[in-house]
């Protein structure tokens, strides 16, 4: 069995003997979320694509400017401490269990550094989500609980591989991080073809990655943000490769993870050993019964609304979106646009704000209702 998957709304009593909940895979303002995916999604939104092309023409560009989107990124709104507190409170208040939280920002451990500067969060695992280009595809590997004394050196080497390192570097890094007994190495959302390279290319690369380095991967991820049919296929992949599953919230907004692991482990190192030995209990929380489209829209609303208490003062969404100019300098969209926001952008943001308000929320949920594969 790859994992015991328990529906919290049905199996709460069966989970009673497990005293801790583990939140894995969430993001903070230290994550860079690149916008290179937008031109691909515009294909399914003709009106917005037309508005983007019109705005591009005003700046002397033809068509949808793919290269410009590739130089831009956004950051989630929560600080490291706010994200830790959100996930901790979810486990403690909703599940009535002791909480362990592992935050995995993209390709950096800045959140862990910030948390280790506080007494109450000093024991938080040093973790990240590592971007791994491989055989024409791209994979995300959650590396949890790195040894603090080696963490920064390892992350520098990981980023060197991501930038354009040789496969020998990948092999050495995977063997090293998986060799520490306290670490947990998870292949996140393994079936998601994020780069849109084609299903065939992604499957071939995934097969080769697991064939060559599967011994260095401790688990596959059951991801809260991916369609359930994809998660079912991930369960089958885990069974075929004799790997356990672990939960992954993949939280980018302000809603805590609706999937958590349950355990009796005293600390994260003990939990990692439990997963590595093949024992995993995953609880699916009631929020996961909500339409995935609704949950994704509400995340978009969190990203695009104002956050007056933002720890770095990035109140408006445009304060949290950045663009790298051709000369290498970086600016926020607020600085780039000044007071004049492009019409296509302001129209879209205004629509999301309208639909995300409390008045329209019931209608939105009705409109976006969908029948996912059964949980």
Protein backbone atom coordinates (compact mmCIF):
# COMPACT_ATOMS: atom_id res chain seq x y z
CA UNK A 1 0.00 0.00 0.00
CA UNK A 2 1.44 3.40 -1.03
CA UNK A 3 -0.50 5.26 1.69
CA UNK A 4 -3.55 5.09 3.88
CA UNK A 5 -5.81 7.83 2.53
CA UNK A 6 -8.47 8.88 5.00
CA UNK A 7 -11.39 11.21 4.39
CA UNK A 8 -11.46 13.43 7.46
CA UNK A 9 -15.22 13.93 7.23
CA UNK A 10 -15.68 10.14 7.41
CA UNK A 11 -12.66 8.67 9.21
CA UNK A 12 -12.02 11.18 12.00
CA UNK A 13 -12.31 8.55 14.71
CA UNK A 14 -9.98 6.18 12.87
CA UNK A 15 -7.33 8.93 12.94
CA UNK A 16 -7.65 9.36 16.69
CA UNK A 17 -4.47 7.49 17.62
CA UNK A 18 -2.25 9.71 15.43
CA UNK A 19 -1.20 12.73 17.45
CA UNK A 20 0.50 15.02 14.90
CA UNK A 21 -0.33 16.58 11.53
CA UNK A 22 2.32 17.48 8.95
CA UNK A 23 1.84 20.25 6.40
CA UNK A 24 4.13 19.80 3.38
CA UNK A 25 4.71 22.00 0.33
CA UNK A 26 3.61 25.62 0.75
CA UNK A 27 4.94 28.91 -0.55
CA UNK A 28 5.72 32.37 0.81
CA UNK A 29 6.73 35.76 -0.56
CA UNK A 30 10.21 34.28 -1.08
CA UNK A 31 8.98 32.18 -4.02
CA UNK A 32 9.36 33.45 -7.56
CA UNK A 33 6.41 32.26 -9.66
CA UNK A 34 7.29 32.98 -13.27
CA UNK A 35 4.62 34.17 -15.72
CA UNK A 36 5.90 32.30 -18.77
CA UNK A 37 2.78 30.09 -18.60
CA UNK A 38 0.39 32.97 -19.38
CA UNK A 39 0.61 32.92 -23.21
CA UNK A 40 -0.32 29.22 -23.12
CA UNK A 41 -3.41 29.89 -20.98
CA UNK A 42 -4.48 32.85 -23.10
CA UNK A 43 -5.36 30.38 -25.85
CA UNK A 44 -8.42 29.38 -23.85
CA UNK A 45 -9.47 32.98 -23.02
CA UNK A 46 -9.89 34.71 -26.44
CA UNK A 47 -11.09 38.04 -25.06
CA UNK A 48 -8.17 38.40 -22.68
CA UNK A 49 -5.76 37.29 -25.43
CA UNK A 50 -7.15 40.03 -27.69
CA UNK A 51 -6.70 42.63 -24.94
CA UNK A 52 -3.10 41.51 -24.37
CA UNK A 53 -2.32 41.70 -28.11
CA UNK A 54 -3.88 45.18 -28.26
CA UNK A 55 -1.76 46.37 -25.34
CA UNK A 56 1.35 44.83 -26.95
CA UNK A 57 0.70 46.75 -30.18
CA UNK A 58 0.67 49.99 -28.18
CA UNK A 59 4.27 49.20 -27.24
CA UNK A 60 5.35 48.26 -30.75
CA UNK A 61 5.12 44.49 -30.30
CA UNK A 62 3.42 41.99 -32.55
CA UNK A 63 1.25 39.21 -31.17
CA UNK A 64 1.49 37.97 -27.59
CA UNK A 65 4.95 38.85 -26.21
CA UNK A 66 6.11 35.46 -24.91
CA UNK A 67 9.60 36.70 -24.06
CA UNK A 68 8.25 39.56 -21.93
CA UNK A 69 6.17 37.19 -19.81
CA UNK A 70 9.20 34.93 -19.34
CA UNK A 71 11.05 37.84 -17.67
CA UNK A 72 8.27 38.49 -15.15
CA UNK A 73 7.29 36.77 -11.92
CA UNK A 74 4.90 37.20 -9.00
CA UNK A 75 5.34 36.41 -5.33
CA UNK A 76 2.75 34.91 -2.95
CA UNK A 77 1.43 37.38 -0.35
CA UNK A 78 2.34 35.65 2.93
CA UNK A 79 5.58 36.06 4.86
CA UNK A 80 7.38 33.00 6.18
CA UNK A 81 5.99 33.48 9.68
CA UNK A 82 2.43 34.17 8.46
CA UNK A 83 2.53 31.05 6.29
CA UNK A 84 3.90 28.94 9.15
CA UNK A 85 1.23 30.25 11.51
CA UNK A 86 -1.55 29.62 8.96
CA UNK A 87 -0.56 25.98 8.44
CA UNK A 88 0.12 25.39 12.14
CA UNK A 89 -3.27 26.80 13.14
CA UNK A 90 -5.03 24.67 10.55
CA UNK A 91 -3.60 21.47 12.05
CA UNK A 92 -4.01 22.52 15.67
CA UNK A 93 -7.47 24.06 15.45
CA UNK A 94 -9.20 21.95 12.81
CA UNK A 95 -7.52 18.61 13.43
CA UNK A 96 -6.78 19.12 17.14
CA UNK A 97 -3.26 17.79 16.68
CA UNK A 98 0.32 18.91 17.19
CA UNK A 99 1.62 20.55 14.02
CA UNK A 100 4.78 20.24 11.94
CA UNK A 101 5.16 22.61 8.98
CA UNK A 102 7.66 22.34 6.12
CA UNK A 103 7.69 25.36 3.79
CA UNK A 104 9.14 24.80 0.33
CA UNK A 105 9.73 27.96 -1.67
CA UNK A 106 11.09 27.66 -5.17
CA UNK A 107 14.86 27.15 -5.23
CA UNK A 108 15.68 29.02 -2.02
CA UNK A 109 15.60 28.59 1.76
CA UNK A 110 15.05 32.24 2.67
CA UNK A 111 11.85 31.34 4.53
CA UNK A 112 13.75 28.86 6.71
CA UNK A 113 16.37 31.51 7.45
CA UNK A 114 13.64 33.92 8.55
CA UNK A 115 11.95 31.29 10.71
CA UNK A 116 15.19 30.17 12.34
CA UNK A 117 15.71 33.75 13.52
CA UNK A 118 12.63 33.37 15.77
CA UNK A 119 12.65 31.31 18.94
CA UNK A 120 9.19 29.80 18.37
CA UNK A 121 10.03 28.60 14.84
CA UNK A 122 13.69 27.65 15.26
CA UNK A 123 12.98 23.94 14.78
CA UNK A 124 11.22 24.40 11.42
CA UNK A 125 12.73 22.13 8.72
CA UNK A 126 15.06 23.73 6.18
CA UNK A 127 13.25 22.85 2.97
CA UNK A 128 12.74 23.99 -0.63
CA UNK A 129 11.12 23.02 -3.91
CA UNK A 130 13.96 22.39 -6.34
CA UNK A 131 13.41 22.98 -10.07
CA UNK A 132 15.01 20.09 -11.96
CA UNK A 133 15.26 20.33 -15.79
CA UNK A 134 15.71 16.83 -17.15
CA UNK A 135 15.56 15.33 -20.66
CA UNK A 136 13.57 18.20 -22.13
CA UNK A 137 11.05 18.36 -19.28
CA UNK A 138 11.03 20.07 -15.90
CA UNK A 139 10.28 18.51 -12.50
CA UNK A 140 9.87 19.90 -9.01
CA UNK A 141 11.44 18.01 -6.14
CA UNK A 142 10.55 18.81 -2.56
CA UNK A 143 13.69 18.51 -0.45
CA UNK A 144 12.67 18.62 3.21
CA UNK A 145 14.76 18.98 6.36
CA UNK A 146 18.23 19.61 4.99
CA UNK A 147 21.00 19.63 7.61
CA UNK A 148 21.30 23.35 8.50
CA UNK A 149 25.11 23.35 8.39
CA UNK A 150 25.11 22.09 4.77
CA UNK A 151 21.92 23.69 3.51
CA UNK A 152 23.22 26.88 1.88
CA UNK A 153 26.06 25.09 0.11
CA UNK A 154 23.66 22.43 -1.19
CA UNK A 155 21.14 25.02 -2.41
CA UNK A 156 23.86 26.87 -4.31
CA UNK A 157 24.76 23.62 -6.07
CA UNK A 158 21.09 22.87 -6.76
CA UNK A 159 20.67 26.26 -8.39
CA UNK A 160 23.84 25.68 -10.40
CA UNK A 161 22.29 22.51 -11.81
CA UNK A 162 18.96 24.27 -12.49
CA UNK A 163 20.74 27.05 -14.39
CA UNK A 164 22.52 24.63 -16.74
CA UNK A 165 24.48 22.07 -14.76
CA UNK A 166 25.65 18.65 -15.98
CA UNK A 167 23.70 15.52 -15.13
CA UNK A 168 26.61 14.32 -13.00
CA UNK A 169 25.85 17.22 -10.66
CA UNK A 170 22.20 16.11 -10.44
CA UNK A 171 23.25 12.57 -9.60
CA UNK A 172 25.63 13.69 -6.87
CA UNK A 173 23.13 16.08 -5.30
CA UNK A 174 20.30 13.54 -5.25
CA UNK A 175 22.56 10.92 -3.73
CA UNK A 176 23.79 13.34 -1.07
CA UNK A 177 20.47 14.84 0.04
CA UNK A 178 18.69 11.47 0.03
CA UNK A 179 21.56 9.96 2.00
CA UNK A 180 20.97 12.10 5.11
CA UNK A 181 18.72 9.99 7.35
CA UNK A 182 16.66 13.01 8.47
CA UNK A 183 15.77 14.32 4.99
CA UNK A 184 12.68 13.60 2.91
CA UNK A 185 12.91 13.83 -0.90
CA UNK A 186 9.53 14.05 -2.66
CA UNK A 187 8.76 14.21 -6.38
CA UNK A 188 6.02 16.85 -6.40
CA UNK A 189 3.05 16.62 -8.80
CA UNK A 190 5.04 14.17 -10.97
CA UNK A 191 2.51 13.99 -13.82
CA UNK A 192 2.05 17.73 -14.28
CA UNK A 193 3.57 18.78 -17.60
CA UNK A 194 4.15 22.31 -16.36
CA UNK A 195 6.34 23.34 -19.28
CA UNK A 196 3.79 22.01 -21.82
CA UNK A 197 6.46 20.05 -23.67
CA UNK A 198 3.94 17.33 -24.69
CA UNK A 199 2.72 14.31 -22.77
CA UNK A 200 5.09 11.96 -24.58
CA UNK A 201 8.22 13.98 -23.77
CA UNK A 202 7.15 14.39 -20.15
CA UNK A 203 6.37 10.67 -19.70
CA UNK A 204 9.67 9.59 -21.24
CA UNK A 205 11.61 12.03 -19.04
CA UNK A 206 9.68 10.94 -15.93
CA UNK A 207 10.35 7.28 -16.65
CA UNK A 208 14.05 7.95 -17.12
CA UNK A 209 14.24 10.10 -13.97
CA UNK A 210 12.65 7.38 -11.84
CA UNK A 211 14.64 4.67 -13.59
CA UNK A 212 17.97 6.34 -12.94
CA UNK A 213 17.33 8.11 -9.63
CA UNK A 214 14.23 6.49 -8.15
CA UNK A 215 16.35 5.14 -5.30
CA UNK A 216 16.96 8.77 -4.26
CA UNK A 217 13.25 9.66 -4.23
CA UNK A 218 11.49 8.76 -0.99
CA UNK A 219 7.89 9.49 -2.01
CA UNK A 220 5.54 10.87 -4.66
CA UNK A 221 3.15 13.70 -3.89
CA UNK A 222 -0.63 13.67 -3.70
CA UNK A 223 -1.16 17.32 -4.66
CA UNK A 224 -4.16 19.34 -3.47
CA UNK A 225 -4.07 21.69 -6.48
CA UNK A 226 -4.00 19.06 -9.22
CA UNK A 227 -7.10 17.36 -10.69
CA UNK A 228 -8.11 14.23 -8.84
CA UNK A 229 -7.84 12.11 -12.00
CA UNK A 230 -4.16 13.12 -12.11
CA UNK A 231 -3.74 12.19 -8.46
CA UNK A 232 -5.26 8.79 -9.17
CA UNK A 233 -2.66 8.28 -11.89
CA UNK A 234 0.02 9.34 -9.40
CA UNK A 235 -1.24 6.66 -6.99
CA UNK A 236 -0.81 4.08 -9.76
CA UNK A 237 2.67 5.43 -10.53
CA UNK A 238 3.63 5.12 -6.87
CA UNK A 239 2.39 1.54 -6.79
CA UNK A 240 4.33 0.68 -9.95
CA UNK A 241 7.53 2.10 -8.46
CA UNK A 242 6.98 0.79 -4.91
CA UNK A 243 7.04 4.32 -3.47
CA UNK A 244 4.83 5.79 -0.74
CA UNK A 245 2.68 8.87 -1.23
CA UNK A 246 2.78 12.00 0.90
CA UNK A 247 0.48 14.99 1.03
CA UNK A 248 1.25 18.29 -0.67
CA UNK A 249 -0.83 21.44 -0.22
CA UNK A 250 1.03 23.53 -2.82
CA UNK A 251 -0.45 26.60 -1.14
CA UNK A 252 0.25 29.98 -2.77
CA UNK A 253 -2.58 32.05 -1.28
CA UNK A 254 -4.13 32.41 2.16
CA UNK A 255 -6.08 29.15 2.44
CA UNK A 256 -4.27 26.41 4.42
CA UNK A 257 -3.51 23.02 2.94
CA UNK A 258 -6.55 20.70 2.61
CA UNK A 259 -4.31 17.61 2.69
CA UNK A 260 -1.96 16.69 5.53
CA UNK A 261 -0.03 13.69 6.73
CA UNK A 262 -0.88 12.21 10.13
CA UNK A 263 1.78 10.62 12.29
CA UNK A 264 2.94 9.76 15.77
CA UNK A 265 6.48 10.98 15.00
CA UNK A 266 8.05 13.17 17.67
CA UNK A 267 9.78 15.45 15.15
CA UNK A 268 10.29 15.89 11.41
CA UNK A 269 13.36 13.65 11.25
CA UNK A 270 11.34 10.80 12.74
CA UNK A 271 8.49 11.54 10.32
CA UNK A 272 10.93 11.40 7.39
CA UNK A 273 12.13 7.99 8.55
CA UNK A 274 8.52 6.82 8.79
CA UNK A 275 7.80 7.81 5.18
CA UNK A 276 11.09 6.36 3.95
CA UNK A 277 10.13 3.04 5.52
CA UNK A 278 6.88 3.07 3.55
CA UNK A 279 4.38 4.16 6.22
CA UNK A 280 2.19 7.12 5.24
CA UNK A 281 -1.24 8.21 6.44
CA UNK A 282 -2.83 11.07 4.49
CA UNK A 283 -5.94 12.95 5.65
CA UNK A 284 -8.09 14.73 3.06
CA UNK A 285 -9.89 17.65 4.70
CA UNK A 286 -13.42 18.87 3.81
CA UNK A 287 -12.07 21.86 1.85
CA UNK A 288 -10.88 19.38 -0.80
CA UNK A 289 -14.52 18.59 -1.58
CA UNK A 290 -14.90 22.12 -2.96
CA UNK A 291 -14.60 22.48 -6.72
CA UNK A 292 -10.95 22.76 -7.74
CA UNK A 293 -11.85 25.65 -10.05
CA UNK A 294 -13.37 27.53 -7.11
CA UNK A 295 -10.29 26.91 -4.96
CA UNK A 296 -7.97 28.10 -7.75
CA UNK A 297 -10.09 31.21 -8.31
CA UNK A 298 -10.02 32.02 -4.60
CA UNK A 299 -6.24 31.70 -4.65
CA UNK A 300 -6.18 34.16 -7.57
CA UNK A 301 -8.36 36.50 -5.51
CA UNK A 302 -5.89 36.25 -2.60
CA UNK A 303 -3.03 37.07 -4.94
CA UNK A 304 -4.71 40.05 -6.61
CA UNK A 305 -6.31 41.72 -3.58
CA UNK A 306 -4.60 44.27 -1.33
CA UNK A 307 -2.67 43.05 1.72
CA UNK A 308 -2.31 46.14 3.98
CA UNK A 309 -0.28 44.22 6.59
CA UNK A 310 2.24 42.79 4.10
CA UNK A 311 5.55 42.41 5.95
CA UNK A 312 7.56 44.16 3.20
CA UNK A 313 4.95 46.81 2.47
CA UNK A 314 3.91 45.26 -0.85
CA UNK A 315 0.24 46.11 -0.37
CA UNK A 316 -1.03 46.07 -3.96
CA UNK A 317 -0.76 43.02 -6.22
CA UNK A 318 1.39 45.06 -8.62
CA UNK A 319 3.90 45.62 -5.79
CA UNK A 320 4.35 41.83 -5.72
CA UNK A 321 4.89 41.30 -9.46
CA UNK A 322 8.37 41.94 -10.83
CA UNK A 323 9.91 42.39 -14.25
CA UNK A 324 13.52 42.01 -15.31
CA UNK A 325 14.46 44.67 -17.85
CA UNK A 326 16.72 43.92 -20.78
CA UNK A 327 19.57 45.71 -18.98
CA UNK A 328 19.25 43.29 -16.05
CA UNK A 329 17.63 45.65 -13.54
CA UNK A 330 14.49 44.49 -11.72
CA UNK A 331 11.42 46.61 -11.07
CA UNK A 332 7.95 46.00 -9.70
CA UNK A 333 4.96 46.59 -11.96
CA UNK A 334 3.90 49.42 -9.65
CA UNK A 335 7.20 51.18 -10.38
CA UNK A 336 7.09 50.30 -14.07
CA UNK A 337 3.54 51.52 -14.71
CA UNK A 338 3.32 54.39 -12.26
CA UNK A 339 -0.30 55.56 -12.12
CA UNK A 340 -1.22 54.20 -15.54
CA UNK A 341 -2.15 50.54 -15.39
CA UNK A 342 -2.83 48.89 -18.77
CA UNK A 343 -6.55 48.64 -19.52
CA UNK A 344 -6.47 44.90 -20.16
CA UNK A 345 -4.86 44.30 -16.77
CA UNK A 346 -7.05 46.64 -14.73
CA UNK A 347 -10.17 45.15 -16.34
CA UNK A 348 -9.16 41.61 -15.49
CA UNK A 349 -8.12 42.46 -11.92
CA UNK A 350 -11.35 44.36 -11.38
CA UNK A 351 -13.39 41.41 -12.60
CA UNK A 352 -11.59 39.00 -10.26
CA UNK A 353 -12.14 41.42 -7.38
CA UNK A 354 -15.85 41.68 -8.18
CA UNK A 355 -16.38 37.93 -8.47
CA UNK A 356 -14.26 37.23 -5.40
CA UNK A 357 -16.31 39.51 -3.15
CA UNK A 358 -18.68 38.04 -0.58
CA UNK A 359 -21.78 39.10 -2.52
CA UNK A 360 -20.81 37.22 -5.69
CA UNK A 361 -19.09 34.25 -4.03
CA UNK A 362 -22.17 31.92 -3.93
CA UNK A 363 -22.89 32.59 -7.61
CA UNK A 364 -19.25 31.97 -8.46
CA UNK A 365 -19.29 28.63 -6.68
CA UNK A 366 -22.43 27.62 -8.56
CA UNK A 367 -20.95 28.71 -11.92
CA UNK A 368 -17.64 26.91 -11.34
CA UNK A 369 -19.13 23.75 -9.86
CA UNK A 370 -17.60 20.68 -11.43
CA UNK A 371 -17.76 16.96 -11.00
CA UNK A 372 -14.30 15.70 -10.23
CA UNK A 373 -13.43 12.03 -10.09
CA UNK A 374 -14.78 10.74 -6.80
CA UNK A 375 -12.63 11.14 -3.71
